[in-house]
Amino acid sequence: MSKHCANAIVSGRVQGVGFRHAVKKRAEELSLTGRASNLADGSVEVTICGEDKKVDQLIEWLWQGPPAAQVTQVQTEDIDWCEYSNFTTG
């Protein structure tokens, strides 16, 4: 079971629609750690760490998000391992 971390920038209508909290809930369901934060440009930055397959599942889910979201782009990159104890929003 291989693990890694990824960083994603999610663009579209993703602020003010419960996006970060929905990401947190989905990440916790998948036993992933990391964080989700609003950015000044209206996008959301998501850092995800955990089992490869589950990280990929969350990245795929980011294209959907919660019902009120309208995602137009998800840019991802693998990053060095970060040790998070849980998934947080900020």
Protein backbone atom coordinates (compact mmCIF):
# COMPACT_ATOMS: atom_id res chain seq x y z
CA MET A 1 0.00 0.00 0.00
CA SER A 2 1.77 3.11 -1.26
CA LYS A 3 1.05 6.58 0.10
CA HIS A 4 1.60 10.08 -1.21
CA CYS A 5 0.44 13.69 -0.94
CA ALA A 6 -1.07 15.86 -3.63
CA ASN A 7 -1.97 19.52 -3.83
CA ALA A 8 -5.02 20.68 -5.80
CA ILE A 9 -6.27 24.13 -6.76
CA VAL A 10 -10.02 23.99 -7.43
CA SER A 11 -11.54 26.83 -9.46
CA GLY A 12 -15.10 27.86 -10.27
CA ARG A 13 -17.93 28.57 -7.85
CA VAL A 14 -16.24 26.90 -4.88
CA GLN A 15 -16.39 29.52 -2.13
CA GLY A 16 -19.54 30.22 -0.14
CA VAL A 17 -21.08 26.86 -1.13
CA GLY A 18 -19.74 24.60 1.64
CA PHE A 19 -16.95 23.25 -0.54
CA ARG A 20 -14.22 23.05 2.12
CA HIS A 21 -16.49 21.32 4.62
CA ALA A 22 -17.70 18.85 1.99
CA VAL A 23 -14.06 18.08 1.10
CA LYS A 24 -13.30 17.51 4.79
CA LYS A 25 -16.23 15.11 5.15
CA ARG A 26 -15.26 13.14 2.02
CA ALA A 27 -11.58 13.05 3.06
CA GLU A 28 -12.52 11.70 6.49
CA GLU A 29 -14.71 9.02 4.86
CA LEU A 30 -11.63 7.96 2.87
CA SER A 31 -9.30 8.12 5.93
CA LEU A 32 -7.20 10.88 4.35
CA THR A 33 -5.40 13.76 6.07
CA GLY A 34 -4.61 17.27 4.88
CA ARG A 35 -6.32 20.63 4.66
CA ALA A 36 -8.62 22.79 2.54
CA SER A 37 -8.32 26.59 2.45
CA ASN A 38 -9.92 29.45 0.54
CA LEU A 39 -7.58 31.49 -1.64
CA ALA A 40 -7.88 35.21 -2.32
CA ASP A 41 -8.65 34.63 -6.01
CA GLY A 42 -11.86 32.69 -5.20
CA SER A 43 -10.39 29.21 -5.62
CA VAL A 44 -9.84 26.54 -2.96
CA GLU A 45 -6.50 24.89 -2.24
CA VAL A 46 -6.66 21.28 -1.05
CA THR A 47 -3.71 19.28 0.27
CA ILE A 48 -4.43 15.54 0.50
CA CYS A 49 -2.25 12.81 2.03
CA GLY A 50 -2.87 9.09 2.28
CA GLU A 51 -3.15 5.86 0.34
CA ASP A 52 -2.60 6.40 -3.40
CA LYS A 53 -5.96 5.02 -4.51
CA LYS A 54 -7.90 7.08 -1.96
CA VAL A 55 -6.02 10.28 -2.80
CA ASP A 56 -6.94 9.72 -6.45
CA GLN A 57 -10.59 9.11 -5.48
CA LEU A 58 -10.75 12.43 -3.63
CA ILE A 59 -9.11 14.27 -6.52
CA GLU A 60 -11.74 12.85 -8.86
CA TRP A 61 -14.49 13.89 -6.40
CA LEU A 62 -13.12 17.46 -6.38
CA TRP A 63 -14.45 17.85 -9.95
CA GLN A 64 -17.96 17.36 -8.54
CA GLY A 65 -17.87 18.88 -5.06
CA PRO A 66 -21.05 19.62 -3.13
CA PRO A 67 -24.33 20.24 -5.01
CA ALA A 68 -24.08 24.07 -5.01
CA ALA A 69 -20.53 24.10 -6.40
CA GLN A 70 -19.69 24.63 -10.05
CA VAL A 71 -16.14 23.38 -10.58
CA THR A 72 -14.46 24.58 -13.77
CA GLN A 73 -10.89 23.42 -13.17
CA VAL A 74 -8.82 21.19 -10.86
CA GLN A 75 -5.04 21.60 -11.13
CA THR A 76 -3.10 18.92 -9.23
CA GLU A 77 0.51 18.11 -8.49
CA ASP A 78 2.21 15.53 -6.32
CA ILE A 79 4.09 17.04 -3.40
CA ASP A 80 6.48 15.81 -0.71
CA TRP A 81 4.90 13.84 2.13
CA CYS A 82 3.36 16.08 4.82
CA GLU A 83 2.47 14.68 8.22
CA TYR A 84 -1.08 15.74 9.13
CA SER A 85 -2.92 14.23 12.10
CA ASN A 86 -6.35 14.80 10.51
CA PHE A 87 -8.12 16.85 7.82
CA THR A 88 -8.71 20.53 8.61
CA THR A 89 -10.31 23.54 6.96
CA GLY A 90 -8.99 27.05 7.21
